[in-house]
Amino acid sequence: MKIVKTNIASYTNTSLSVFSREESFFQSPFHSHPEFELVYILESHGKRIIGNSVESFEAGDMVFLGDDIPHVWLNDEIFYKGINSLKAKAMVIYFSRELFGNSFYELPEAQEVKKFLSQAVKGVSITGQTNTLIAKKMEKLIKKKGFEVIMGLIEILFLLSKSKDLRYINDNSYVSVSDDNKNDRLAAVFQYVKSNYKEEISLDEISKIANLTPTSFCRMFKAKAKKPFVEYLNEIRVSNACKYLIETDLGISEIAYECGYKTASNFNKLFKKLMGTTPKEYRKKALV
């Protein structure tokens, strides 16, 4: 599946959209967009692909998506057989980061919301009491108009920023380098790895990018990234391998080479360690 780049605001001509969706099956392609998205499934079941994650979904599933993370909801095969009693129903909120303006994000009172939105690029699964509460507020929000909609969205974001009923769908390897890291030593490292993960990257080489000795670099990287550099590098390579498995027809050995692994056996071993399944099984689960 190729990722289709879209822009919701250009279609709706507004930076905030709240609506109910009802179809025979969910028809959107594997896509990404710059808007944040909150989705609550009312009816339907199947599997959803969010970033590198492939998981089942059913009625009651609620997900918050950060900007530009690729995603798709795929119904089970029975939904494509024209059975009238089967429907794909959902409540959806789309909104642009610019909706509130930079001054909002600088407010001391908005820092927890700002943090939540920055972490949402990994995709967030919302469960428990928070799921139930947000679903009720979304249902009411659909009936509101004007500034009341913005007030309702702020309330939802506040509740999410405080909630413990959250699970990140992807690991840190899917997060892009943010503007907040521009002055950080790690920014250059992240950018270098992003551009050169296909090549062999030695400790001496990457230490020079950070302008540190190898020992100092390893200490600094683990302290800031909360993991050793080699582990991070493998996460980046496996993350990109997931994209190749979903978006291309390349063989496993070819993908291993494209992602910086010299042997398919080493690639398979590391992929299964990080993803809990083999590359072949991952592709089959994603594309069936």
Protein backbone atom coordinates (compact mmCIF):
# COMPACT_ATOMS: atom_id res chain seq x y z
CA MET A 1 0.00 0.00 0.00
CA LYS A 2 1.29 3.43 -0.94
CA ILE A 3 0.78 6.28 1.51
CA VAL A 4 -1.60 8.89 0.09
CA LYS A 5 -0.81 12.41 1.30
CA THR A 6 -3.99 14.37 2.03
CA ASN A 7 -4.99 17.65 3.66
CA ILE A 8 -8.33 17.52 5.46
CA ALA A 9 -8.58 21.28 6.01
CA SER A 10 -8.45 21.94 2.26
CA TYR A 11 -11.44 19.63 1.72
CA THR A 12 -13.56 20.91 4.60
CA ASN A 13 -12.41 24.55 4.32
CA THR A 14 -12.07 24.69 8.11
CA SER A 15 -9.35 23.95 10.66
CA LEU A 16 -11.79 21.99 12.86
CA SER A 17 -14.26 19.32 11.73
CA VAL A 18 -16.51 17.12 13.88
CA PHE A 19 -18.85 14.63 12.24
CA SER A 20 -20.34 11.14 12.17
CA ARG A 21 -19.27 8.75 9.44
CA GLU A 22 -21.41 5.88 8.14
CA GLU A 23 -20.50 3.63 5.20
CA SER A 24 -20.85 0.03 4.11
CA PHE A 25 -17.12 -0.24 4.87
CA PHE A 26 -14.36 2.27 5.60
CA GLN A 27 -13.12 3.44 2.22
CA SER A 28 -10.17 5.72 3.00
CA PRO A 29 -6.81 4.50 1.61
CA PHE A 30 -3.58 4.16 3.58
CA HIS A 31 -2.96 7.87 4.08
CA SER A 32 -1.55 10.66 6.22
CA HIS A 33 -2.47 14.29 6.79
CA PRO A 34 -1.12 17.25 8.80
CA GLU A 35 -4.23 17.44 10.99
CA PHE A 36 -4.70 15.70 14.34
CA GLU A 37 -7.47 13.10 14.33
CA LEU A 38 -9.61 11.53 17.05
CA VAL A 39 -11.58 8.45 15.94
CA TYR A 40 -14.21 6.48 17.88
CA ILE A 41 -15.60 3.34 16.23
CA LEU A 42 -19.34 2.95 16.79
CA GLU A 43 -19.88 -0.11 14.59
CA SER A 44 -17.50 -2.25 12.53
CA HIS A 45 -14.53 -4.55 13.00
CA GLY A 46 -11.37 -5.45 11.16
CA LYS A 47 -7.77 -4.31 11.51
CA ARG A 48 -6.11 -0.94 11.57
CA ILE A 49 -2.62 -0.02 10.45
CA ILE A 50 -1.15 2.99 12.26
CA GLY A 51 2.48 3.70 11.52
CA ASN A 52 4.21 0.33 11.96
CA SER A 53 1.44 -1.21 14.05
CA VAL A 54 -1.14 -3.69 12.75
CA GLU A 55 -3.90 -4.37 15.29
CA SER A 56 -7.51 -5.52 15.33
CA PHE A 57 -10.30 -3.04 15.98
CA GLU A 58 -13.97 -3.33 16.90
CA ALA A 59 -16.82 -1.17 18.19
CA GLY A 60 -15.58 0.96 21.07
CA ASP A 61 -12.06 1.33 19.69
CA MET A 62 -10.78 4.89 20.18
CA VAL A 63 -7.55 6.31 18.76
CA PHE A 64 -5.92 9.74 18.71
CA LEU A 65 -3.49 10.35 15.84
CA GLY A 66 -0.76 12.94 15.63
CA ASP A 67 0.03 14.88 12.49
CA ASP A 68 1.34 13.01 9.44
CA ILE A 69 1.29 9.48 10.87
CA PRO A 70 0.11 7.07 8.11
CA HIS A 71 -3.01 5.06 8.93
CA VAL A 72 -5.94 3.07 7.56
CA TRP A 73 -8.92 1.13 8.94
CA LEU A 74 -9.54 -2.08 6.97
CA ASN A 75 -12.81 -3.92 7.52
CA ASP A 76 -12.99 -7.69 7.69
CA GLU A 77 -13.84 -9.40 4.40
CA ILE A 78 -17.51 -9.89 5.27
CA PHE A 79 -18.10 -6.11 5.01
CA TYR A 80 -17.33 -6.22 1.28
CA LYS A 81 -20.09 -8.74 0.50
CA GLY A 82 -22.94 -6.22 0.40
CA ILE A 83 -24.71 -7.33 3.56
CA ASN A 84 -27.06 -4.44 4.37
CA SER A 85 -27.08 -5.04 8.12
CA LEU A 86 -23.32 -4.45 8.36
CA LYS A 87 -22.21 -0.83 8.68
CA ALA A 88 -18.95 0.96 9.36
CA LYS A 89 -19.80 3.82 11.71
CA ALA A 90 -17.49 6.21 13.51
CA MET A 91 -17.32 9.65 15.12
CA VAL A 92 -14.34 11.71 13.98
CA ILE A 93 -12.67 14.98 14.95
CA TYR A 94 -10.04 16.61 12.73
CA PHE A 95 -8.21 19.77 13.75
CA SER A 96 -5.09 21.65 12.68
CA ARG A 97 -2.26 22.50 15.04
CA GLU A 98 -2.70 26.14 13.99
CA LEU A 99 -6.29 26.17 15.31
CA PHE A 100 -5.14 27.57 18.66
CA GLY A 101 -2.10 29.61 17.58
CA ASN A 102 1.42 29.69 19.02
CA SER A 103 0.44 31.84 22.00
CA PHE A 104 -1.90 29.08 23.23
CA TYR A 105 0.89 26.48 23.26
CA GLU A 106 3.14 28.83 25.26
CA LEU A 107 0.61 29.25 28.07
CA PRO A 108 1.73 27.55 31.32
CA GLU A 109 -1.77 26.06 31.60
CA ALA A 110 -1.44 24.44 28.16
CA GLN A 111 1.86 22.62 28.67
CA GLU A 112 0.32 19.22 29.41
CA VAL A 113 -1.87 19.47 26.29
CA LYS A 114 1.18 20.52 24.26
CA LYS A 115 3.10 17.49 25.56
CA PHE A 116 0.21 15.15 24.77
CA LEU A 117 -0.02 16.46 21.18
CA SER A 118 3.73 16.08 20.66
CA GLN A 119 3.58 12.44 21.80
CA ALA A 120 0.52 11.69 19.64
CA VAL A 121 2.73 11.21 16.58
CA LYS A 122 3.14 7.65 17.88
CA GLY A 123 -0.63 7.13 17.82
CA VAL A 124 -2.57 6.80 21.09
CA SER A 125 -5.07 4.09 22.00
CA ILE A 126 -7.65 5.38 24.53
CA THR A 127 -9.30 2.88 26.87
CA GLY A 128 -11.11 2.57 30.19
CA GLN A 129 -13.17 5.33 31.76
CA THR A 130 -11.50 7.94 29.56
CA ASN A 131 -12.77 6.13 26.46
CA THR A 132 -16.34 6.15 27.79
CA LEU A 133 -16.18 9.79 28.86
CA ILE A 134 -14.64 11.07 25.61
CA ALA A 135 -17.16 9.10 23.52
CA LYS A 136 -20.04 10.86 25.29
CA LYS A 137 -18.42 14.26 24.81
CA MET A 138 -17.82 13.56 21.09
CA GLU A 139 -21.48 12.66 20.67
CA LYS A 140 -22.51 15.99 22.23
CA LEU A 141 -19.86 17.91 20.27
CA ILE A 142 -21.33 16.79 16.95
CA LYS A 143 -24.52 18.68 17.80
CA LYS A 144 -22.75 21.92 18.78
CA LYS A 145 -21.84 24.86 16.56
CA GLY A 146 -19.47 27.82 16.53
CA PHE A 147 -17.17 28.51 19.44
CA GLU A 148 -18.84 25.81 21.54
CA VAL A 149 -17.11 23.24 19.34
CA ILE A 150 -13.69 24.73 20.10
CA MET A 151 -14.50 24.80 23.82
CA GLY A 152 -15.57 21.16 23.65
CA LEU A 153 -12.35 20.17 21.87
CA ILE A 154 -10.21 21.95 24.47
CA GLU A 155 -12.04 20.04 27.21
CA ILE A 156 -11.39 16.73 25.43
CA LEU A 157 -7.69 17.54 24.98
CA PHE A 158 -7.42 18.50 28.65
CA LEU A 159 -8.96 15.19 29.71
CA LEU A 160 -6.63 13.24 27.42
CA SER A 161 -3.56 15.10 28.67
CA LYS A 162 -4.44 14.05 32.26
CA SER A 163 -5.55 10.49 31.53
CA LYS A 164 -3.80 7.28 32.56
CA ASP A 165 -5.94 5.21 30.17
CA LEU A 166 -3.56 5.76 27.25
CA ARG A 167 -1.28 3.39 25.33
CA TYR A 168 1.16 4.47 22.64
CA ILE A 169 0.61 2.41 19.50
CA ASN A 170 4.11 2.84 18.03
CA ASP A 171 7.48 3.07 19.75
CA ASN A 172 9.81 6.05 19.64
CA SER A 173 11.39 4.96 16.37
CA TYR A 174 8.44 6.30 14.42
CA VAL A 175 8.74 9.82 15.82
CA SER A 176 10.26 12.39 13.48
CA VAL A 177 12.88 14.81 14.71
CA SER A 178 10.93 17.74 16.10
CA ASP A 179 11.75 21.43 15.90
CA ASP A 180 12.38 21.37 19.66
CA ASN A 181 15.54 19.33 19.02
CA LYS A 182 17.19 21.75 16.61
CA ASN A 183 19.70 22.98 19.17
CA ASP A 184 20.29 19.59 20.71
CA ARG A 185 23.35 17.46 19.92
CA LEU A 186 21.00 14.58 19.21
CA ALA A 187 19.26 16.49 16.41
CA ALA A 188 22.25 16.04 14.10
CA VAL A 189 22.48 12.37 15.10
CA PHE A 190 18.80 11.72 14.43
CA GLN A 191 18.98 13.47 11.07
CA TYR A 192 22.14 11.57 10.08
CA VAL A 193 20.60 8.21 10.99
CA LYS A 194 17.41 9.11 9.14
CA SER A 195 19.41 9.80 5.97
CA ASN A 196 22.02 7.03 6.29
CA TYR A 197 20.35 4.09 8.06
CA LYS A 198 20.90 1.98 4.91
CA GLU A 199 24.67 2.29 5.34
CA GLU A 200 26.99 0.82 7.94
CA ILE A 201 27.26 3.38 10.76
CA SER A 202 30.20 2.92 13.11
CA LEU A 203 30.41 4.28 16.64
CA ASP A 204 33.40 6.43 15.68
CA GLU A 205 31.47 7.89 12.75
CA ILE A 206 28.33 8.77 14.67
CA SER A 207 30.35 10.15 17.60
CA LYS A 208 32.00 12.65 15.27
CA ILE A 209 28.54 13.81 14.11
CA ALA A 210 27.79 14.69 17.75
CA ASN A 211 31.29 16.15 18.20
CA LEU A 212 31.99 13.81 21.09
CA THR A 213 34.35 10.94 21.90
CA PRO A 214 32.76 7.48 21.50
CA THR A 215 32.59 7.02 25.29
CA SER A 216 31.01 10.42 25.88
CA PHE A 217 28.60 9.90 22.99
CA CYS A 218 27.36 6.54 24.32
CA ARG A 219 26.83 8.05 27.77
CA MET A 220 25.05 11.12 26.39
CA PHE A 221 22.86 9.20 23.96
CA LYS A 222 21.66 6.67 26.53
CA ALA A 223 20.93 9.43 29.05
CA LYS A 224 18.83 11.46 26.61
CA ALA A 225 17.29 8.77 24.39
CA LYS A 226 16.81 6.28 27.26
CA LYS A 227 18.36 3.50 25.18
CA PRO A 228 21.76 2.58 23.66
CA PHE A 229 22.52 3.95 20.19
CA VAL A 230 22.67 0.47 18.61
CA GLU A 231 19.15 -0.26 19.87
CA TYR A 232 17.90 3.03 18.43
CA LEU A 233 19.57 2.34 15.08
CA ASN A 234 17.93 -1.07 14.86
CA GLU A 235 14.54 0.47 15.68
CA ILE A 236 14.96 2.97 12.85
CA ARG A 237 15.98 0.24 10.42
CA VAL A 238 13.12 -2.06 11.42
CA SER A 239 10.68 0.88 11.30
CA ASN A 240 11.68 1.53 7.69
CA ALA A 241 11.57 -2.19 6.94
CA CYS A 242 7.91 -2.17 8.04
CA LYS A 243 7.21 0.53 5.45
CA TYR A 244 8.94 -1.51 2.73
CA LEU A 245 6.93 -4.60 3.71
CA ILE A 246 3.63 -2.71 3.48
CA GLU A 247 4.32 -0.41 0.53
CA THR A 248 6.47 -2.53 -1.83
CA ASP A 249 6.74 -6.01 -3.30
CA LEU A 250 10.46 -6.34 -2.53
CA GLY A 251 11.65 -9.67 -1.18
CA ILE A 252 12.73 -10.07 2.44
CA SER A 253 16.44 -10.25 1.53
CA GLU A 254 16.14 -7.11 -0.61
CA ILE A 255 14.42 -5.24 2.21
CA ALA A 256 17.11 -6.39 4.65
CA TYR A 257 19.78 -4.92 2.37
CA GLU A 258 17.80 -1.71 1.83
CA CYS A 259 17.59 -1.24 5.58
CA GLY A 260 21.27 -1.71 6.34
CA TYR A 261 21.48 -5.42 7.17
CA LYS A 262 24.12 -7.57 5.50
CA THR A 263 22.27 -10.84 6.01
CA ALA A 264 18.60 -11.76 5.95
CA SER A 265 19.04 -14.02 8.98
CA ASN A 266 20.29 -11.16 11.17
CA PHE A 267 17.47 -8.95 9.86
CA ASN A 268 14.83 -11.60 10.62
CA LYS A 269 16.19 -12.08 14.14
CA LEU A 270 16.19 -8.37 15.01
CA PHE A 271 12.82 -7.76 13.33
CA LYS A 272 11.15 -10.50 15.37
CA LYS A 273 12.78 -9.23 18.56
CA LEU A 274 11.38 -5.73 18.04
CA MET A 275 8.05 -6.46 16.36
CA GLY A 276 7.16 -9.81 17.91
CA THR A 277 6.71 -11.44 14.50
CA THR A 278 8.78 -12.30 11.44
CA PRO A 279 8.91 -9.94 8.42
CA LYS A 280 6.96 -12.49 6.36
CA GLU A 281 4.22 -12.81 8.98
CA TYR A 282 4.08 -9.02 9.41
CA ARG A 283 3.54 -8.48 5.68
CA LYS A 284 0.90 -11.22 5.52
CA LYS A 285 -1.00 -9.73 8.47
CA ALA A 286 -0.86 -6.23 7.02
CA LEU A 287 -1.85 -7.02 3.46
CA VAL A 288 -4.37 -9.88 3.71
